[in-house]
């Protein structure tokens, strides 16, 4: 896993927890399994730009917040 994937995953997890959402909650908003959210948070998978946009919208933040 590279540094960018790890940073994205950390940002996603931190934001999700700050919004008091479980991986299941976020997965349901996106129509994906919580396992997929877990792989993103662990940096094992890289999301598409469309997925980053959907994640940000579900979390109520700007997409760039996940990429910082």
PDB file of N, CA and C in Angstrom:
ATOM      1  N   UNK A   1       0.851  -1.173   0.000  1.00  0.00           N
ATOM      2  CA  UNK A   1       0.000   0.000   0.000  1.00  0.00           C
ATOM      3  C   UNK A   1       0.892   1.228   0.000  1.00  0.00           C
ATOM      4  N   UNK A   2       0.510   2.203  -0.776  1.00  0.00           N
ATOM      5  CA  UNK A   2       1.326   3.408  -0.862  1.00  0.00           C
ATOM      6  C   UNK A   2       0.838   4.481   0.105  1.00  0.00           C
ATOM      7  N   UNK A   3       1.628   5.523   0.227  1.00  0.00           N
ATOM      8  CA  UNK A   3       1.346   6.595   1.183  1.00  0.00           C
ATOM      9  C   UNK A   3       0.017   7.296   0.888  1.00  0.00           C
ATOM     10  N   UNK A   4      -0.274   7.519  -0.385  1.00  0.00           N
ATOM     11  CA  UNK A   4      -1.511   8.220  -0.757  1.00  0.00           C
ATOM     12  C   UNK A   4      -2.739   7.391  -0.380  1.00  0.00           C
ATOM     13  N   UNK A   5      -2.693   6.091  -0.642  1.00  0.00           N
ATOM     14  CA  UNK A   5      -3.817   5.216  -0.293  1.00  0.00           C
ATOM     15  C   UNK A   5      -4.033   5.182   1.215  1.00  0.00           C
ATOM     16  N   UNK A   6      -2.937   5.128   1.946  1.00  0.00           N
ATOM     17  CA  UNK A   6      -3.022   5.111   3.414  1.00  0.00           C
ATOM     18  C   UNK A   6      -3.605   6.417   3.941  1.00  0.00           C
ATOM     19  N   UNK A   7      -3.154   7.536   3.376  1.00  0.00           N
ATOM     20  CA  UNK A   7      -3.651   8.842   3.812  1.00  0.00           C
ATOM     21  C   UNK A   7      -5.140   8.988   3.507  1.00  0.00           C
ATOM     22  N   UNK A   8      -5.544   8.556   2.313  1.00  0.00           N
ATOM     23  CA  UNK A   8      -6.955   8.600   1.957  1.00  0.00           C
ATOM     24  C   UNK A   8      -7.770   7.778   2.954  1.00  0.00           C
ATOM     25  N   UNK A   9      -7.318   6.556   3.227  1.00  0.00           N
ATOM     26  CA  UNK A   9      -8.022   5.684   4.156  1.00  0.00           C
ATOM     27  C   UNK A   9      -8.130   6.285   5.547  1.00  0.00           C
ATOM     28  N   UNK A  10      -7.052   6.896   6.008  1.00  0.00           N
ATOM     29  CA  UNK A  10      -7.068   7.549   7.321  1.00  0.00           C
ATOM     30  C   UNK A  10      -8.063   8.710   7.347  1.00  0.00           C
ATOM     31  N   UNK A  11      -8.070   9.503   6.286  1.00  0.00           N
ATOM     32  CA  UNK A  11      -9.003  10.635   6.200  1.00  0.00           C
ATOM     33  C   UNK A  11     -10.451  10.153   6.172  1.00  0.00           C
ATOM     34  N   UNK A  12     -10.691   9.101   5.408  1.00  0.00           N
ATOM     35  CA  UNK A  12     -12.040   8.543   5.316  1.00  0.00           C
ATOM     36  C   UNK A  12     -12.504   8.044   6.683  1.00  0.00           C
ATOM     37  N   UNK A  13     -11.669   7.280   7.355  1.00  0.00           N
ATOM     38  CA  UNK A  13     -12.042   6.732   8.656  1.00  0.00           C
ATOM     39  C   UNK A  13     -12.257   7.842   9.686  1.00  0.00           C
ATOM     40  N   UNK A  14     -11.343   8.796   9.733  1.00  0.00           N
ATOM     41  CA  UNK A  14     -11.460   9.901  10.691  1.00  0.00           C
ATOM     42  C   UNK A  14     -12.755  10.681  10.484  1.00  0.00           C
ATOM     43  N   UNK A  15     -13.064  10.968   9.220  1.00  0.00           N
ATOM     44  CA  UNK A  15     -14.273  11.720   8.910  1.00  0.00           C
ATOM     45  C   UNK A  15     -15.521  10.903   9.233  1.00  0.00           C
ATOM     46  N   UNK A  16     -15.509   9.636   8.877  1.00  0.00           N
ATOM     47  CA  UNK A  16     -16.653   8.763   9.157  1.00  0.00           C
ATOM     48  C   UNK A  16     -16.927   8.707  10.657  1.00  0.00           C
ATOM     49  N   UNK A  17     -15.877   8.533  11.443  1.00  0.00           N
ATOM     50  CA  UNK A  17     -16.047   8.459  12.892  1.00  0.00           C
ATOM     51  C   UNK A  17     -16.515   9.789  13.477  1.00  0.00           C
ATOM     52  N   UNK A  18     -16.010  10.889  12.923  1.00  0.00           N
ATOM     53  CA  UNK A  18     -16.432  12.218  13.391  1.00  0.00           C
ATOM     54  C   UNK A  18     -17.917  12.449  13.130  1.00  0.00           C
ATOM     55  N   UNK A  19     -18.452  11.781  12.111  1.00  0.00           N
ATOM     56  CA  UNK A  19     -19.877  11.893  11.771  1.00  0.00           C
ATOM     57  C   UNK A  19     -20.704  10.822  12.484  1.00  0.00           C
ATOM     58  N   UNK A  20     -20.047  10.070  13.389  1.00  0.00           N
ATOM     59  CA  UNK A  20     -20.710   9.000  14.151  1.00  0.00           C
ATOM     60  C   UNK A  20     -21.379   7.974  13.249  1.00  0.00           C
ATOM     61  N   UNK A  21     -20.655   7.594  12.197  1.00  0.00           N
ATOM     62  CA  UNK A  21     -21.168   6.596  11.264  1.00  0.00           C
ATOM     63  C   UNK A  21     -20.323   5.332  11.349  1.00  0.00           C
ATOM     64  N   UNK A  22     -20.980   4.195  11.239  1.00  0.00           N
ATOM     65  CA  UNK A  22     -20.255   2.929  11.149  1.00  0.00           C
ATOM     66  C   UNK A  22     -19.914   2.671   9.683  1.00  0.00           C
ATOM     67  N   UNK A  23     -19.074   1.691   9.451  1.00  0.00           N
ATOM     68  CA  UNK A  23     -18.780   1.300   8.071  1.00  0.00           C
ATOM     69  C   UNK A  23     -20.054   0.811   7.398  1.00  0.00           C
ATOM     70  N   UNK A  24     -20.896   0.149   8.145  1.00  0.00           N
ATOM     71  CA  UNK A  24     -22.171  -0.328   7.605  1.00  0.00           C
ATOM     72  C   UNK A  24     -23.054   0.842   7.202  1.00  0.00           C
ATOM     73  N   UNK A  25     -23.132   1.865   8.055  1.00  0.00           N
ATOM     74  CA  UNK A  25     -23.934   3.053   7.743  1.00  0.00           C
ATOM     75  C   UNK A  25     -23.472   3.688   6.430  1.00  0.00           C
ATOM     76  N   UNK A  26     -22.165   3.892   6.307  1.00  0.00           N
ATOM     77  CA  UNK A  26     -21.628   4.526   5.106  1.00  0.00           C
ATOM     78  C   UNK A  26     -21.843   3.644   3.888  1.00  0.00           C
ATOM     79  N   UNK A  27     -21.625   2.357   4.053  1.00  0.00           N
ATOM     80  CA  UNK A  27     -21.847   1.419   2.952  1.00  0.00           C
ATOM     81  C   UNK A  27     -23.277   1.440   2.456  1.00  0.00           C
ATOM     82  N   UNK A  28     -24.222   1.519   3.393  1.00  0.00           N
ATOM     83  CA  UNK A  28     -25.633   1.560   3.005  1.00  0.00           C
ATOM     84  C   UNK A  28     -25.960   2.827   2.222  1.00  0.00           C
ATOM     85  N   UNK A  29     -25.364   3.949   2.601  1.00  0.00           N
ATOM     86  CA  UNK A  29     -25.595   5.198   1.855  1.00  0.00           C
ATOM     87  C   UNK A  29     -25.078   5.105   0.428  1.00  0.00           C
ATOM     88  N   UNK A  30     -24.007   4.324   0.244  1.00  0.00           N
ATOM     89  CA  UNK A  30     -23.400   4.199  -1.086  1.00  0.00           C
ATOM     90  C   UNK A  30     -23.906   2.986  -1.855  1.00  0.00           C
ATOM     91  N   UNK A  31     -24.585   2.098  -1.174  1.00  0.00           N
ATOM     92  CA  UNK A  31     -25.050   0.876  -1.821  1.00  0.00           C
ATOM     93  C   UNK A  31     -23.934  -0.136  -2.008  1.00  0.00           C
ATOM     94  N   UNK A  32     -22.973  -0.134  -1.064  1.00  0.00           N
ATOM     95  CA  UNK A  32     -21.864  -1.091  -1.114  1.00  0.00           C
ATOM     96  C   UNK A  32     -21.772  -1.808   0.234  1.00  0.00           C
ATOM     97  N   UNK A  33     -21.045  -2.882   0.251  1.00  0.00           N
ATOM     98  CA  UNK A  33     -20.832  -3.661   1.457  1.00  0.00           C
ATOM     99  C   UNK A  33     -19.857  -2.956   2.394  1.00  0.00           C
ATOM    100  N   UNK A  34     -20.003  -3.163   3.693  1.00  0.00           N
ATOM    101  CA  UNK A  34     -19.085  -2.548   4.648  1.00  0.00           C
ATOM    102  C   UNK A  34     -17.653  -3.035   4.428  1.00  0.00           C
ATOM    103  N   UNK A  35     -17.492  -4.218   3.865  1.00  0.00           N
ATOM    104  CA  UNK A  35     -16.159  -4.738   3.558  1.00  0.00           C
ATOM    105  C   UNK A  35     -15.419  -3.855   2.567  1.00  0.00           C
ATOM    106  N   UNK A  36     -16.159  -3.282   1.641  1.00  0.00           N
ATOM    107  CA  UNK A  36     -15.545  -2.370   0.667  1.00  0.00           C
ATOM    108  C   UNK A  36     -15.048  -1.113   1.371  1.00  0.00           C
ATOM    109  N   UNK A  37     -15.838  -0.584   2.289  1.00  0.00           N
ATOM    110  CA  UNK A  37     -15.429   0.589   3.061  1.00  0.00           C
ATOM    111  C   UNK A  37     -14.168   0.250   3.852  1.00  0.00           C
ATOM    112  N   UNK A  38     -14.123  -0.933   4.418  1.00  0.00           N
ATOM    113  CA  UNK A  38     -12.961  -1.374   5.184  1.00  0.00           C
ATOM    114  C   UNK A  38     -11.700  -1.422   4.317  1.00  0.00           C
ATOM    115  N   UNK A  39     -11.828  -1.941   3.099  1.00  0.00           N
ATOM    116  CA  UNK A  39     -10.649  -2.012   2.226  1.00  0.00           C
ATOM    117  C   UNK A  39     -10.174  -0.626   1.814  1.00  0.00           C
ATOM    118  N   UNK A  40     -11.100   0.323   1.670  1.00  0.00           N
ATOM    119  CA  UNK A  40     -10.699   1.700   1.368  1.00  0.00           C
ATOM    120  C   UNK A  40      -9.972   2.315   2.560  1.00  0.00           C
ATOM    121  N   UNK A  41     -10.521   2.113   3.750  1.00  0.00           N
ATOM    122  CA  UNK A  41      -9.926   2.699   4.947  1.00  0.00           C
ATOM    123  C   UNK A  41      -8.558   2.101   5.267  1.00  0.00           C
ATOM    124  N   UNK A  42      -8.365   0.857   4.907  1.00  0.00           N
ATOM    125  CA  UNK A  42      -7.072   0.219   5.172  1.00  0.00           C
ATOM    126  C   UNK A  42      -6.044   0.510   4.075  1.00  0.00           C
ATOM    127  N   UNK A  43      -6.489   1.162   3.002  1.00  0.00           N
ATOM    128  CA  UNK A  43      -5.576   1.493   1.907  1.00  0.00           C
ATOM    129  C   UNK A  43      -5.316   0.345   0.951  1.00  0.00           C
ATOM    130  N   UNK A  44      -6.104  -0.712   1.046  1.00  0.00           N
ATOM    131  CA  UNK A  44      -5.903  -1.880   0.186  1.00  0.00           C
ATOM    132  C   UNK A  44      -6.488  -1.697  -1.206  1.00  0.00           C
ATOM    133  N   UNK A  45      -7.456  -0.786  -1.335  1.00  0.00           N
ATOM    134  CA  UNK A  45      -8.067  -0.489  -2.637  1.00  0.00           C
ATOM    135  C   UNK A  45      -8.052   1.007  -2.863  1.00  0.00           C
ATOM    136  N   UNK A  46      -7.938   1.388  -4.126  1.00  0.00           N
ATOM    137  CA  UNK A  46      -8.007   2.793  -4.503  1.00  0.00           C
ATOM    138  C   UNK A  46      -9.361   3.053  -5.157  1.00  0.00           C
ATOM    139  N   UNK A  47     -10.104   4.026  -4.638  1.00  0.00           N
ATOM    140  CA  UNK A  47     -11.418   4.330  -5.215  1.00  0.00           C
ATOM    141  C   UNK A  47     -11.290   5.136  -6.505  1.00  0.00           C
ATOM    142  N   UNK A  48     -12.318   5.054  -7.322  1.00  0.00           N
ATOM    143  CA  UNK A  48     -12.375   5.892  -8.516  1.00  0.00           C
ATOM    144  C   UNK A  48     -12.741   7.311  -8.092  1.00  0.00           C
ATOM    145  N   UNK A  49     -12.596   8.251  -9.002  1.00  0.00           N
ATOM    146  CA  UNK A  49     -12.996   9.624  -8.708  1.00  0.00           C
ATOM    147  C   UNK A  49     -14.488   9.707  -8.413  1.00  0.00           C
ATOM    148  N   UNK A  50     -15.274   8.924  -9.127  1.00  0.00           N
ATOM    149  CA  UNK A  50     -16.718   8.911  -8.890  1.00  0.00           C
ATOM    150  C   UNK A  50     -17.029   8.412  -7.477  1.00  0.00           C
ATOM    151  N   UNK A  51     -16.300   7.409  -7.028  1.00  0.00           N
ATOM    152  CA  UNK A  51     -16.510   6.885  -5.679  1.00  0.00           C
ATOM    153  C   UNK A  51     -16.092   7.894  -4.630  1.00  0.00           C
ATOM    154  N   UNK A  52     -14.986   8.585  -4.853  1.00  0.00           N
ATOM    155  CA  UNK A  52     -14.545   9.630  -3.917  1.00  0.00           C
ATOM    156  C   UNK A  52     -15.636  10.692  -3.798  1.00  0.00           C
ATOM    157  N   UNK A  53     -16.210  11.068  -4.911  1.00  0.00           N
ATOM    158  CA  UNK A  53     -17.280  12.061  -4.911  1.00  0.00           C
ATOM    159  C   UNK A  53     -18.492  11.561  -4.129  1.00  0.00           C
ATOM    160  N   UNK A  54     -18.880  10.313  -4.322  1.00  0.00           N
ATOM    161  CA  UNK A  54     -20.019   9.734  -3.611  1.00  0.00           C
ATOM    162  C   UNK A  54     -19.741   9.638  -2.115  1.00  0.00           C
ATOM    163  N   UNK A  55     -18.520   9.246  -1.758  1.00  0.00           N
ATOM    164  CA  UNK A  55     -18.146   9.172  -0.343  1.00  0.00           C
ATOM    165  C   UNK A  55     -18.253  10.543   0.313  1.00  0.00           C
ATOM    166  N   UNK A  56     -17.697  11.543  -0.357  1.00  0.00           N
ATOM    167  CA  UNK A  56     -17.721  12.904   0.187  1.00  0.00           C
ATOM    168  C   UNK A  56     -19.156  13.391   0.372  1.00  0.00           C
ATOM    169  N   UNK A  57     -19.996  13.140  -0.625  1.00  0.00           N
ATOM    170  CA  UNK A  57     -21.392  13.564  -0.534  1.00  0.00           C
ATOM    171  C   UNK A  57     -22.093  12.863   0.624  1.00  0.00           C
ATOM    172  N   UNK A  58     -21.856  11.566   0.779  1.00  0.00           N
ATOM    173  CA  UNK A  58     -22.478  10.809   1.867  1.00  0.00           C
ATOM    174  C   UNK A  58     -22.013  11.302   3.237  1.00  0.00           C
ATOM    175  N   UNK A  59     -20.777  11.808   3.284  1.00  0.00           N
ATOM    176  CA  UNK A  59     -20.225  12.316   4.547  1.00  0.00           C
ATOM    177  C   UNK A  59     -20.498  13.806   4.750  1.00  0.00           C
ATOM    178  N   UNK A  60     -21.034  14.460   3.734  1.00  0.00           N
ATOM    179  CA  UNK A  60     -21.335  15.878   3.832  1.00  0.00           C
ATOM    180  C   UNK A  60     -20.111  16.773   3.831  1.00  0.00           C
ATOM    181  N   UNK A  61     -19.101  16.378   3.056  1.00  0.00           N
ATOM    182  CA  UNK A  61     -17.860  17.152   2.971  1.00  0.00           C
ATOM    183  C   UNK A  61     -17.471  17.339   1.515  1.00  0.00           C
ATOM    184  N   UNK A  62     -16.490  18.183   1.268  1.00  0.00           N
ATOM    185  CA  UNK A  62     -15.935  18.350  -0.078  1.00  0.00           C
ATOM    186  C   UNK A  62     -14.986  17.185  -0.378  1.00  0.00           C
ATOM    187  N   UNK A  63     -14.933  16.771  -1.621  1.00  0.00           N
ATOM    188  CA  UNK A  63     -14.090  15.657  -2.022  1.00  0.00           C
ATOM    189  C   UNK A  63     -12.629  15.848  -1.619  1.00  0.00           C
ATOM    190  N   UNK A  64     -12.142  17.079  -1.716  1.00  0.00           N
ATOM    191  CA  UNK A  64     -10.725  17.302  -1.420  1.00  0.00           C
ATOM    192  C   UNK A  64     -10.373  17.052   0.039  1.00  0.00           C
ATOM    193  N   UNK A  65     -11.377  17.056   0.917  1.00  0.00           N
ATOM    194  CA  UNK A  65     -11.101  16.754   2.332  1.00  0.00           C
ATOM    195  C   UNK A  65     -10.600  15.333   2.514  1.00  0.00           C
ATOM    196  N   UNK A  66     -11.019  14.442   1.642  1.00  0.00           N
ATOM    197  CA  UNK A  66     -10.564  13.047   1.720  1.00  0.00           C
ATOM    198  C   UNK A  66      -9.173  12.862   1.126  1.00  0.00           C
ATOM    199  N   UNK A  67      -8.735  13.820   0.354  1.00  0.00           N
ATOM    200  CA  UNK A  67      -7.460  13.689  -0.354  1.00  0.00           C
ATOM    201  C   UNK A  67      -6.308  14.447   0.291  1.00  0.00           C
ATOM    202  N   UNK A  68      -6.572  15.182   1.355  1.00  0.00           N
ATOM    203  CA  UNK A  68      -5.526  15.984   1.999  1.00  0.00           C
ATOM    204  C   UNK A  68      -4.547  15.132   2.755  1.00  0.00           C
TER     205      UNK A  68
END
